[in-house]
């Protein structure tokens, strides 16, 4: 056995006796995980801030519609145009191609 192992074997049972079984703490591993999560959030916030600075957004002023009665009127006009379109194409298309004798 190495001296390090001997020391651990002697010290760990003493640490176990001093440990309160009703009190649980996260320890070093919990701190390391918490620090890594904090560092990741900090880097994400820094990256987001850099990307947001690149955005060039200028809001366009609203243009009032002069002769538009609203979306309901535009939808009604579109529906009328769609209903008339198939009737016009059917009337202009030839009924059947001529048969070939051969």
PDB file of N, CA and C in Angstrom:
ATOM      1  N   UNK A   1       0.832  -1.179   0.000  1.00  0.00           N
ATOM      2  CA  UNK A   1       0.000   0.000   0.000  1.00  0.00           C
ATOM      3  C   UNK A   1       0.877   1.242   0.000  1.00  0.00           C
ATOM      4  N   UNK A   2       0.453   2.236  -0.806  1.00  0.00           N
ATOM      5  CA  UNK A   2       1.224   3.470  -0.854  1.00  0.00           C
ATOM      6  C   UNK A   2       0.905   4.333   0.359  1.00  0.00           C
ATOM      7  N   UNK A   3       1.732   5.315   0.628  1.00  0.00           N
ATOM      8  CA  UNK A   3       1.472   6.189   1.784  1.00  0.00           C
ATOM      9  C   UNK A   3       0.173   6.993   1.634  1.00  0.00           C
ATOM     10  N   UNK A   4      -0.179   7.338   0.410  1.00  0.00           N
ATOM     11  CA  UNK A   4      -1.419   8.092   0.195  1.00  0.00           C
ATOM     12  C   UNK A   4      -2.622   7.226   0.525  1.00  0.00           C
ATOM     13  N   UNK A   5      -2.601   5.991   0.090  1.00  0.00           N
ATOM     14  CA  UNK A   5      -3.708   5.085   0.369  1.00  0.00           C
ATOM     15  C   UNK A   5      -3.820   4.813   1.865  1.00  0.00           C
ATOM     16  N   UNK A   6      -2.695   4.684   2.519  1.00  0.00           N
ATOM     17  CA  UNK A   6      -2.702   4.443   3.960  1.00  0.00           C
ATOM     18  C   UNK A   6      -3.315   5.619   4.691  1.00  0.00           C
ATOM     19  N   UNK A   7      -2.962   6.830   4.276  1.00  0.00           N
ATOM     20  CA  UNK A   7      -3.499   8.028   4.908  1.00  0.00           C
ATOM     21  C   UNK A   7      -5.005   8.122   4.681  1.00  0.00           C
ATOM     22  N   UNK A   8      -5.467   7.842   3.459  1.00  0.00           N
ATOM     23  CA  UNK A   8      -6.891   7.889   3.163  1.00  0.00           C
ATOM     24  C   UNK A   8      -7.672   6.861   3.976  1.00  0.00           C
ATOM     25  N   UNK A   9      -7.108   5.677   4.116  1.00  0.00           N
ATOM     26  CA  UNK A   9      -7.784   4.635   4.880  1.00  0.00           C
ATOM     27  C   UNK A   9      -7.917   5.053   6.340  1.00  0.00           C
ATOM     28  N   UNK A  10      -6.942   5.777   6.837  1.00  0.00           N
ATOM     29  CA  UNK A  10      -6.983   6.195   8.235  1.00  0.00           C
ATOM     30  C   UNK A  10      -7.854   7.431   8.454  1.00  0.00           C
ATOM     31  N   UNK A  11      -7.894   8.355   7.469  1.00  0.00           N
ATOM     32  CA  UNK A  11      -8.597   9.625   7.649  1.00  0.00           C
ATOM     33  C   UNK A  11     -10.080   9.502   7.296  1.00  0.00           C
ATOM     34  N   UNK A  12     -10.435   8.748   6.275  1.00  0.00           N
ATOM     35  CA  UNK A  12     -11.826   8.656   5.842  1.00  0.00           C
ATOM     36  C   UNK A  12     -12.771   8.128   6.925  1.00  0.00           C
ATOM     37  N   UNK A  13     -12.425   7.115   7.671  1.00  0.00           N
ATOM     38  CA  UNK A  13     -13.347   6.711   8.743  1.00  0.00           C
ATOM     39  C   UNK A  13     -13.562   7.809   9.780  1.00  0.00           C
ATOM     40  N   UNK A  14     -12.554   8.620  10.038  1.00  0.00           N
ATOM     41  CA  UNK A  14     -12.718   9.724  10.980  1.00  0.00           C
ATOM     42  C   UNK A  14     -13.663  10.783  10.413  1.00  0.00           C
ATOM     43  N   UNK A  15     -13.553  11.047   9.119  1.00  0.00           N
ATOM     44  CA  UNK A  15     -14.430  12.023   8.478  1.00  0.00           C
ATOM     45  C   UNK A  15     -15.864  11.516   8.474  1.00  0.00           C
ATOM     46  N   UNK A  16     -16.050  10.218   8.354  1.00  0.00           N
ATOM     47  CA  UNK A  16     -17.382   9.646   8.344  1.00  0.00           C
ATOM     48  C   UNK A  16     -18.039   9.781   9.718  1.00  0.00           C
ATOM     49  N   UNK A  17     -17.272   9.720  10.781  1.00  0.00           N
ATOM     50  CA  UNK A  17     -17.816   9.869  12.127  1.00  0.00           C
ATOM     51  C   UNK A  17     -18.221  11.311  12.391  1.00  0.00           C
ATOM     52  N   UNK A  18     -17.486  12.259  11.820  1.00  0.00           N
ATOM     53  CA  UNK A  18     -17.795  13.670  12.020  1.00  0.00           C
ATOM     54  C   UNK A  18     -18.970  14.127  11.160  1.00  0.00           C
ATOM     55  N   UNK A  19     -19.304  13.369  10.132  1.00  0.00           N
ATOM     56  CA  UNK A  19     -20.367  13.739   9.210  1.00  0.00           C
ATOM     57  C   UNK A  19     -21.731  13.546   9.870  1.00  0.00           C
ATOM     58  N   UNK A  20     -22.537  14.608   9.862  1.00  0.00           N
ATOM     59  CA  UNK A  20     -23.886  14.523  10.389  1.00  0.00           C
ATOM     60  C   UNK A  20     -24.764  13.859   9.332  1.00  0.00           C
ATOM     61  N   UNK A  21     -25.374  12.740   9.651  1.00  0.00           N
ATOM     62  CA  UNK A  21     -26.167  12.003   8.678  1.00  0.00           C
ATOM     63  C   UNK A  21     -27.459  12.716   8.312  1.00  0.00           C
ATOM     64  N   UNK A  22     -27.907  13.682   9.095  1.00  0.00           N
ATOM     65  CA  UNK A  22     -29.134  14.423   8.821  1.00  0.00           C
ATOM     66  C   UNK A  22     -28.883  15.678   7.984  1.00  0.00           C
ATOM     67  N   UNK A  23     -27.623  15.997   7.758  1.00  0.00           N
ATOM     68  CA  UNK A  23     -27.272  17.205   6.996  1.00  0.00           C
ATOM     69  C   UNK A  23     -26.543  16.778   5.721  1.00  0.00           C
ATOM     70  N   UNK A  24     -27.120  17.164   4.588  1.00  0.00           N
ATOM     71  CA  UNK A  24     -26.525  16.802   3.304  1.00  0.00           C
ATOM     72  C   UNK A  24     -26.140  18.088   2.591  1.00  0.00           C
ATOM     73  N   UNK A  25     -24.917  18.164   2.095  1.00  0.00           N
ATOM     74  CA  UNK A  25     -24.440  19.343   1.361  1.00  0.00           C
ATOM     75  C   UNK A  25     -23.984  18.898  -0.021  1.00  0.00           C
ATOM     76  N   UNK A  26     -24.010  19.808  -0.992  1.00  0.00           N
ATOM     77  CA  UNK A  26     -23.620  19.423  -2.347  1.00  0.00           C
ATOM     78  C   UNK A  26     -22.123  19.186  -2.485  1.00  0.00           C
ATOM     79  N   UNK A  27     -21.316  19.807  -1.708  1.00  0.00           N
ATOM     80  CA  UNK A  27     -19.882  19.568  -1.761  1.00  0.00           C
ATOM     81  C   UNK A  27     -19.209  20.242  -2.944  1.00  0.00           C
ATOM     82  N   UNK A  28     -18.009  19.783  -3.214  1.00  0.00           N
ATOM     83  CA  UNK A  28     -17.186  20.371  -4.272  1.00  0.00           C
ATOM     84  C   UNK A  28     -17.790  20.097  -5.648  1.00  0.00           C
ATOM     85  N   UNK A  29     -18.293  18.894  -5.854  1.00  0.00           N
ATOM     86  CA  UNK A  29     -18.869  18.554  -7.147  1.00  0.00           C
ATOM     87  C   UNK A  29     -20.073  19.449  -7.457  1.00  0.00           C
ATOM     88  N   UNK A  30     -20.900  19.705  -6.459  1.00  0.00           N
ATOM     89  CA  UNK A  30     -22.036  20.601  -6.652  1.00  0.00           C
ATOM     90  C   UNK A  30     -21.598  22.005  -7.007  1.00  0.00           C
ATOM     91  N   UNK A  31     -20.538  22.480  -6.357  1.00  0.00           N
ATOM     92  CA  UNK A  31     -20.021  23.813  -6.676  1.00  0.00           C
ATOM     93  C   UNK A  31     -19.481  23.865  -8.100  1.00  0.00           C
ATOM     94  N   UNK A  32     -18.763  22.823  -8.501  1.00  0.00           N
ATOM     95  CA  UNK A  32     -18.195  22.808  -9.855  1.00  0.00           C
ATOM     96  C   UNK A  32     -19.301  22.802 -10.899  1.00  0.00           C
ATOM     97  N   UNK A  33     -20.347  22.000 -10.686  1.00  0.00           N
ATOM     98  CA  UNK A  33     -21.464  21.951 -11.640  1.00  0.00           C
ATOM     99  C   UNK A  33     -22.161  23.304 -11.691  1.00  0.00           C
ATOM    100  N   UNK A  34     -22.399  23.911 -10.533  1.00  0.00           N
ATOM    101  CA  UNK A  34     -23.043  25.223 -10.478  1.00  0.00           C
ATOM    102  C   UNK A  34     -22.186  26.284 -11.179  1.00  0.00           C
ATOM    103  N   UNK A  35     -20.879  26.240 -10.985  1.00  0.00           N
ATOM    104  CA  UNK A  35     -19.980  27.202 -11.634  1.00  0.00           C
ATOM    105  C   UNK A  35     -19.983  27.010 -13.150  1.00  0.00           C
ATOM    106  N   UNK A  36     -20.022  25.761 -13.612  1.00  0.00           N
ATOM    107  CA  UNK A  36     -20.057  25.502 -15.057  1.00  0.00           C
ATOM    108  C   UNK A  36     -21.363  25.996 -15.671  1.00  0.00           C
ATOM    109  N   UNK A  37     -22.471  25.784 -14.985  1.00  0.00           N
ATOM    110  CA  UNK A  37     -23.757  26.272 -15.502  1.00  0.00           C
ATOM    111  C   UNK A  37     -23.750  27.796 -15.545  1.00  0.00           C
ATOM    112  N   UNK A  38     -23.203  28.439 -14.499  1.00  0.00           N
ATOM    113  CA  UNK A  38     -23.110  29.901 -14.485  1.00  0.00           C
ATOM    114  C   UNK A  38     -22.247  30.427 -15.617  1.00  0.00           C
ATOM    115  N   UNK A  39     -21.116  29.755 -15.863  1.00  0.00           N
ATOM    116  CA  UNK A  39     -20.222  30.179 -16.954  1.00  0.00           C
ATOM    117  C   UNK A  39     -20.904  29.996 -18.309  1.00  0.00           C
ATOM    118  N   UNK A  40     -21.657  28.914 -18.478  1.00  0.00           N
ATOM    119  CA  UNK A  40     -22.365  28.681 -19.739  1.00  0.00           C
ATOM    120  C   UNK A  40     -23.430  29.755 -19.966  1.00  0.00           C
ATOM    121  N   UNK A  41     -24.173  30.105 -18.926  1.00  0.00           N
ATOM    122  CA  UNK A  41     -25.189  31.158 -19.059  1.00  0.00           C
ATOM    123  C   UNK A  41     -24.528  32.489 -19.393  1.00  0.00           C
ATOM    124  N   UNK A  42     -23.416  32.783 -18.758  1.00  0.00           N
ATOM    125  CA  UNK A  42     -22.704  34.041 -19.030  1.00  0.00           C
ATOM    126  C   UNK A  42     -22.247  34.088 -20.486  1.00  0.00           C
ATOM    127  N   UNK A  43     -21.699  32.974 -21.004  1.00  0.00           N
ATOM    128  CA  UNK A  43     -21.247  32.964 -22.402  1.00  0.00           C
ATOM    129  C   UNK A  43     -22.420  33.081 -23.362  1.00  0.00           C
ATOM    130  N   UNK A  44     -23.545  32.431 -23.053  1.00  0.00           N
ATOM    131  CA  UNK A  44     -24.726  32.551 -23.911  1.00  0.00           C
ATOM    132  C   UNK A  44     -25.261  33.975 -23.928  1.00  0.00           C
ATOM    133  N   UNK A  45     -25.281  34.634 -22.780  1.00  0.00           N
ATOM    134  CA  UNK A  45     -25.749  36.022 -22.721  1.00  0.00           C
ATOM    135  C   UNK A  45     -24.813  36.937 -23.517  1.00  0.00           C
ATOM    136  N   UNK A  46     -23.533  36.686 -23.415  1.00  0.00           N
ATOM    137  CA  UNK A  46     -22.560  37.494 -24.167  1.00  0.00           C
ATOM    138  C   UNK A  46     -22.751  37.302 -25.675  1.00  0.00           C
ATOM    139  N   UNK A  47     -22.973  36.064 -26.100  1.00  0.00           N
ATOM    140  CA  UNK A  47     -23.189  35.778 -27.512  1.00  0.00           C
ATOM    141  C   UNK A  47     -24.492  36.407 -27.995  1.00  0.00           C
ATOM    142  N   UNK A  48     -25.556  36.299 -27.190  1.00  0.00           N
ATOM    143  CA  UNK A  48     -26.837  36.882 -27.574  1.00  0.00           C
ATOM    144  C   UNK A  48     -26.718  38.398 -27.706  1.00  0.00           C
ATOM    145  N   UNK A  49     -25.988  39.027 -26.785  1.00  0.00           N
ATOM    146  CA  UNK A  49     -25.808  40.473 -26.842  1.00  0.00           C
ATOM    147  C   UNK A  49     -25.067  40.866 -28.125  1.00  0.00           C
ATOM    148  N   UNK A  50     -24.062  40.082 -28.508  1.00  0.00           N
ATOM    149  CA  UNK A  50     -23.318  40.360 -29.741  1.00  0.00           C
ATOM    150  C   UNK A  50     -24.229  40.239 -30.960  1.00  0.00           C
ATOM    151  N   UNK A  51     -25.080  39.199 -30.996  1.00  0.00           N
ATOM    152  CA  UNK A  51     -25.986  39.013 -32.130  1.00  0.00           C
ATOM    153  C   UNK A  51     -27.060  40.100 -32.178  1.00  0.00           C
ATOM    154  N   UNK A  52     -27.536  40.515 -31.032  1.00  0.00           N
ATOM    155  CA  UNK A  52     -28.575  41.549 -30.993  1.00  0.00           C
ATOM    156  C   UNK A  52     -28.021  42.900 -31.453  1.00  0.00           C
ATOM    157  N   UNK A  53     -26.751  43.147 -31.217  1.00  0.00           N
ATOM    158  CA  UNK A  53     -26.143  44.402 -31.688  1.00  0.00           C
ATOM    159  C   UNK A  53     -26.047  44.428 -33.208  1.00  0.00           C
ATOM    160  N   UNK A  54     -25.945  43.239 -33.831  1.00  0.00           N
ATOM    161  CA  UNK A  54     -25.840  43.175 -35.294  1.00  0.00           C
ATOM    162  C   UNK A  54     -27.169  43.425 -35.993  1.00  0.00           C
ATOM    163  N   UNK A  55     -28.267  43.257 -35.284  1.00  0.00           N
ATOM    164  CA  UNK A  55     -29.594  43.416 -35.889  1.00  0.00           C
ATOM    165  C   UNK A  55     -29.828  44.891 -36.171  1.00  0.00           C
ATOM    166  N   UNK A  56     -30.186  45.202 -37.408  1.00  0.00           N
ATOM    167  CA  UNK A  56     -30.462  46.577 -37.801  1.00  0.00           C
ATOM    168  C   UNK A  56     -31.952  46.660 -38.095  1.00  0.00           C
ATOM    169  N   UNK A  57     -32.724  46.973 -37.075  1.00  0.00           N
ATOM    170  CA  UNK A  57     -34.177  46.985 -37.217  1.00  0.00           C
ATOM    171  C   UNK A  57     -34.675  48.406 -37.093  1.00  0.00           C
ATOM    172  N   UNK A  58     -35.344  48.865 -38.123  1.00  0.00           N
ATOM    173  CA  UNK A  58     -35.995  50.172 -38.095  1.00  0.00           C
ATOM    174  C   UNK A  58     -37.461  49.941 -38.425  1.00  0.00           C
ATOM    175  N   UNK A  59     -38.331  50.317 -37.516  1.00  0.00           N
ATOM    176  CA  UNK A  59     -39.753  50.091 -37.722  1.00  0.00           C
ATOM    177  C   UNK A  59     -40.280  51.056 -38.772  1.00  0.00           C
ATOM    178  N   UNK A  60     -41.025  50.492 -39.730  1.00  0.00           N
ATOM    179  CA  UNK A  60     -41.618  51.312 -40.780  1.00  0.00           C
ATOM    180  C   UNK A  60     -42.860  52.000 -40.244  1.00  0.00           C
ATOM    181  N   UNK A  61     -43.057  53.267 -40.552  1.00  0.00           N
ATOM    182  CA  UNK A  61     -44.287  53.919 -40.096  1.00  0.00           C
ATOM    183  C   UNK A  61     -45.500  53.328 -40.818  1.00  0.00           C
ATOM    184  N   UNK A  62     -46.613  53.291 -40.116  1.00  0.00           N
ATOM    185  CA  UNK A  62     -47.832  52.743 -40.711  1.00  0.00           C
ATOM    186  C   UNK A  62     -48.353  53.687 -41.786  1.00  0.00           C
ATOM    187  N   UNK A  63     -48.718  53.115 -42.949  1.00  0.00           N
ATOM    188  CA  UNK A  63     -49.261  53.908 -44.038  1.00  0.00           C
ATOM    189  C   UNK A  63     -50.769  53.716 -44.055  1.00  0.00           C
ATOM    190  N   UNK A  64     -51.526  54.785 -43.925  1.00  0.00           N
ATOM    191  CA  UNK A  64     -52.988  54.613 -43.935  1.00  0.00           C
ATOM    192  C   UNK A  64     -53.462  54.217 -45.332  1.00  0.00           C
ATOM    193  N   UNK A  65     -54.397  53.303 -45.374  1.00  0.00           N
ATOM    194  CA  UNK A  65     -54.951  52.841 -46.647  1.00  0.00           C
ATOM    195  C   UNK A  65     -56.044  53.816 -47.084  1.00  0.00           C
ATOM    196  N   UNK A  66     -55.937  54.326 -48.295  1.00  0.00           N
ATOM    197  CA  UNK A  66     -56.866  55.352 -48.770  1.00  0.00           C
ATOM    198  C   UNK A  66     -58.226  54.764 -49.143  1.00  0.00           C
ATOM    199  N   UNK A  67     -58.261  53.723 -49.987  1.00  0.00           N
ATOM    200  CA  UNK A  67     -59.539  53.216 -50.462  1.00  0.00           C
ATOM    201  C   UNK A  67     -59.819  51.785 -49.989  1.00  0.00           C
ATOM    202  N   UNK A  68     -59.055  51.293 -49.069  1.00  0.00           N
ATOM    203  CA  UNK A  68     -59.243  49.933 -48.580  1.00  0.00           C
ATOM    204  C   UNK A  68     -60.208  49.935 -47.405  1.00  0.00           C
ATOM    205  N   UNK A  69     -61.205  49.041 -47.466  1.00  0.00           N
ATOM    206  CA  UNK A  69     -62.187  48.963 -46.388  1.00  0.00           C
ATOM    207  C   UNK A  69     -61.776  47.993 -45.295  1.00  0.00           C
ATOM    208  N   UNK A  70     -60.607  47.406 -45.406  1.00  0.00           N
ATOM    209  CA  UNK A  70     -60.140  46.498 -44.367  1.00  0.00           C
ATOM    210  C   UNK A  70     -59.899  45.109 -44.907  1.00  0.00           C
ATOM    211  N   UNK A  71     -59.474  44.220 -44.049  1.00  0.00           N
ATOM    212  CA  UNK A  71     -59.175  42.854 -44.495  1.00  0.00           C
ATOM    213  C   UNK A  71     -60.414  42.086 -44.941  1.00  0.00           C
ATOM    214  N   UNK A  72     -61.561  42.394 -44.388  1.00  0.00           N
ATOM    215  CA  UNK A  72     -62.779  41.683 -44.795  1.00  0.00           C
ATOM    216  C   UNK A  72     -63.120  41.991 -46.251  1.00  0.00           C
ATOM    217  N   UNK A  73     -62.970  43.226 -46.650  1.00  0.00           N
ATOM    218  CA  UNK A  73     -63.244  43.624 -48.029  1.00  0.00           C
ATOM    219  C   UNK A  73     -62.244  42.979 -48.979  1.00  0.00           C
ATOM    220  N   UNK A  74     -60.966  42.936 -48.574  1.00  0.00           N
ATOM    221  CA  UNK A  74     -59.946  42.332 -49.430  1.00  0.00           C
ATOM    222  C   UNK A  74     -60.190  40.832 -49.578  1.00  0.00           C
ATOM    223  N   UNK A  75     -60.622  40.172 -48.515  1.00  0.00           N
ATOM    224  CA  UNK A  75     -60.898  38.737 -48.589  1.00  0.00           C
ATOM    225  C   UNK A  75     -62.095  38.460 -49.494  1.00  0.00           C
ATOM    226  N   UNK A  76     -63.113  39.311 -49.427  1.00  0.00           N
ATOM    227  CA  UNK A  76     -64.290  39.130 -50.268  1.00  0.00           C
ATOM    228  C   UNK A  76     -63.929  39.308 -51.741  1.00  0.00           C
ATOM    229  N   UNK A  77     -63.104  40.286 -52.053  1.00  0.00           N
ATOM    230  CA  UNK A  77     -62.686  40.514 -53.435  1.00  0.00           C
ATOM    231  C   UNK A  77     -61.855  39.344 -53.945  1.00  0.00           C
ATOM    232  N   UNK A  78     -61.000  38.798 -53.097  1.00  0.00           N
ATOM    233  CA  UNK A  78     -60.174  37.664 -53.507  1.00  0.00           C
ATOM    234  C   UNK A  78     -61.036  36.436 -53.760  1.00  0.00           C
ATOM    235  N   UNK A  79     -62.062  36.236 -52.937  1.00  0.00           N
ATOM    236  CA  UNK A  79     -62.952  35.088 -53.128  1.00  0.00           C
ATOM    237  C   UNK A  79     -63.729  35.216 -54.436  1.00  0.00           C
ATOM    238  N   UNK A  80     -64.183  36.425 -54.761  1.00  0.00           N
ATOM    239  CA  UNK A  80     -64.903  36.639 -56.016  1.00  0.00           C
ATOM    240  C   UNK A  80     -64.002  36.378 -57.209  1.00  0.00           C
ATOM    241  N   UNK A  81     -62.760  36.838 -57.139  1.00  0.00           N
ATOM    242  CA  UNK A  81     -61.826  36.629 -58.245  1.00  0.00           C
ATOM    243  C   UNK A  81     -61.520  35.148 -58.426  1.00  0.00           C
ATOM    244  N   UNK A  82     -61.403  34.402 -57.329  1.00  0.00           N
ATOM    245  CA  UNK A  82     -61.120  32.969 -57.409  1.00  0.00           C
ATOM    246  C   UNK A  82     -62.310  32.210 -57.986  1.00  0.00           C
ATOM    247  N   UNK A  83     -63.513  32.651 -57.683  1.00  0.00           N
ATOM    248  CA  UNK A  83     -64.708  31.975 -58.203  1.00  0.00           C
ATOM    249  C   UNK A  83     -64.867  32.209 -59.696  1.00  0.00           C
ATOM    250  N   UNK A  84     -64.489  33.369 -60.186  1.00  0.00           N
ATOM    251  CA  UNK A  84     -64.614  33.690 -61.601  1.00  0.00           C
ATOM    252  C   UNK A  84     -63.502  33.071 -62.437  1.00  0.00           C
ATOM    253  N   UNK A  85     -62.336  32.840 -61.865  1.00  0.00           N
ATOM    254  CA  UNK A  85     -61.184  32.355 -62.617  1.00  0.00           C
ATOM    255  C   UNK A  85     -61.418  30.978 -63.222  1.00  0.00           C
ATOM    256  N   UNK A  86     -61.928  29.967 -62.517  1.00  0.00           N
ATOM    257  CA  UNK A  86     -62.121  28.645 -63.155  1.00  0.00           C
ATOM    258  C   UNK A  86     -63.151  28.683 -64.286  1.00  0.00           C
ATOM    259  N   UNK A  87     -64.173  29.503 -64.164  1.00  0.00           N
ATOM    260  CA  UNK A  87     -65.187  29.582 -65.223  1.00  0.00           C
ATOM    261  C   UNK A  87     -64.587  30.173 -66.487  1.00  0.00           C
ATOM    262  N   UNK A  88     -63.740  31.148 -66.370  1.00  0.00           N
ATOM    263  CA  UNK A  88     -63.111  31.774 -67.547  1.00  0.00           C
ATOM    264  C   UNK A  88     -62.155  30.819 -68.229  1.00  0.00           C
ATOM    265  N   UNK A  89     -61.366  30.064 -67.453  1.00  0.00           N
ATOM    266  CA  UNK A  89     -60.408  29.151 -68.078  1.00  0.00           C
ATOM    267  C   UNK A  89     -61.109  27.987 -68.746  1.00  0.00           C
ATOM    268  N   UNK A  90     -62.219  27.527 -68.183  1.00  0.00           N
ATOM    269  CA  UNK A  90     -62.955  26.419 -68.799  1.00  0.00           C
ATOM    270  C   UNK A  90     -63.585  26.854 -70.126  1.00  0.00           C
ATOM    271  N   UNK A  91     -64.051  28.087 -70.238  1.00  0.00           N
ATOM    272  CA  UNK A  91     -64.687  28.568 -71.460  1.00  0.00           C
ATOM    273  C   UNK A  91     -63.660  28.785 -72.563  1.00  0.00           C
ATOM    274  N   UNK A  92     -62.447  29.163 -72.222  1.00  0.00           N
ATOM    275  CA  UNK A  92     -61.457  29.474 -73.247  1.00  0.00           C
ATOM    276  C   UNK A  92     -60.684  28.241 -73.705  1.00  0.00           C
ATOM    277  N   UNK A  93     -60.715  27.145 -72.966  1.00  0.00           N
ATOM    278  CA  UNK A  93     -59.959  25.933 -73.328  1.00  0.00           C
ATOM    279  C   UNK A  93     -60.761  25.138 -74.372  1.00  0.00           C
ATOM    280  N   UNK A  94     -60.083  24.467 -75.312  1.00  0.00           N
ATOM    281  CA  UNK A  94     -60.801  23.624 -76.280  1.00  0.00           C
ATOM    282  C   UNK A  94     -61.404  22.423 -75.558  1.00  0.00           C
ATOM    283  N   UNK A  95     -62.546  21.976 -76.092  1.00  0.00           N
ATOM    284  CA  UNK A  95     -63.268  20.905 -75.416  1.00  0.00           C
ATOM    285  C   UNK A  95     -62.545  19.552 -75.518  1.00  0.00           C
ATOM    286  N   UNK A  96     -62.032  19.190 -76.703  1.00  0.00           N
ATOM    287  CA  UNK A  96     -61.339  17.926 -76.863  1.00  0.00           C
ATOM    288  C   UNK A  96     -60.394  18.053 -78.056  1.00  0.00           C
ATOM    289  N   UNK A  97     -59.281  17.389 -77.992  1.00  0.00           N
ATOM    290  CA  UNK A  97     -58.361  17.435 -79.139  1.00  0.00           C
ATOM    291  C   UNK A  97     -58.917  16.622 -80.306  1.00  0.00           C
ATOM    292  N   UNK A  98     -58.612  17.017 -81.547  1.00  0.00           N
ATOM    293  CA  UNK A  98     -59.108  16.263 -82.708  1.00  0.00           C
ATOM    294  C   UNK A  98     -58.512  14.855 -82.769  1.00  0.00           C
ATOM    295  N   UNK A  99     -59.294  13.889 -83.259  1.00  0.00           N
ATOM    296  CA  UNK A  99     -58.820  12.504 -83.345  1.00  0.00           C
ATOM    297  C   UNK A  99     -58.047  12.330 -84.638  1.00  0.00           C
ATOM    298  N   UNK A 100     -57.036  11.515 -84.535  1.00  0.00           N
ATOM    299  CA  UNK A 100     -56.195  11.245 -85.692  1.00  0.00           C
ATOM    300  C   UNK A 100     -56.604   9.904 -86.306  1.00  0.00           C
ATOM    301  N   UNK A 101     -56.687   9.923 -87.603  1.00  0.00           N
ATOM    302  CA  UNK A 101     -56.989   8.650 -88.279  1.00  0.00           C
ATOM    303  C   UNK A 101     -55.687   8.066 -88.794  1.00  0.00           C
ATOM    304  N   UNK A 102     -55.499   6.837 -88.547  1.00  0.00           N
ATOM    305  CA  UNK A 102     -54.231   6.373 -88.992  1.00  0.00           C
ATOM    306  C   UNK A 102     -54.109   5.020 -89.334  1.00  0.00           C
TER     307      UNK A 102
END
